[in-house]
């Protein structure tokens, strides 16, 4: 702990000041736990926390996806955290989930830039996850690894192109307010950005070139269909409902904490035994 000294302060005065600061912090901790203190990030009395954050917008994913993610985190995280969902509809969400409203006018993956806004009433470290993931092992390391950097993952194009460096935004860790410039850039140029970039992760990669992410080790977060299964073949049909044409009895390695289901199938439509057993 770094000792704080004030010029001209006597030893006795310093002892009294430290006792007062300790007592004040204890009161703040109690008030925050009871919800009696404003949780706005600019409030200097609010204690820094860990957050697991997800986004639910529209009808693509049901409340079940949020609740199942909540359950998986509870099984695989031993750190203290608050589970947060940014959403336009909190119907049927687990009451233990903190819900925050999404701004109007956003849709699909273009809701994601809002999570970087410094105006969110959060203070601490955010670990964002897409809803279409299955947690496979303990995720504490995703909070604890290189804590002074913001982190994401290399896009799964890496399977075909091993030197690929662009981002996949399925899992991102950052300090609250740290990437506020990403949100500001998007909201000030949203039409142009949506026309220029295929999705939020391409915009994120472009706008952070002067402040790049540290990418998590590839084997910590993997594509289920491209990096764990052998067959990648998808059945024909409506996008969002297609299934894998074979069932494989495979499972992720112990180093892998999260399996990502980008594109089809979604976890609910995957019949591989390990997924059926763990997406709950």
Foldseek 3Di string as FASTA:
>chain_A
DDDDDDPPADPVNSVVVVVVVVVLLVVLVVCVVVVNDQLQQVPPSHDAFEEEEEEDEDVLDDLLLVQLVVVQLVVAEPDDYAYEYAYCDCPPHDPSHHYDYQDPPADDQRSPLVQQASRPSHFHKYKYAYSQKFFDHHDHCVCVPPPVFKEFAFDPVCLVVVVGRFGDVRIIMDGRNPVNVLSVVCVVCVVVVVVPDVGDSVSVRVVCPVRDGDYDPDLQEEECLRPWDDHNAWDDDDWAQIEHPDADQTDRDNNHGMYGHPTDDGLVNYPHVVSVVGSD
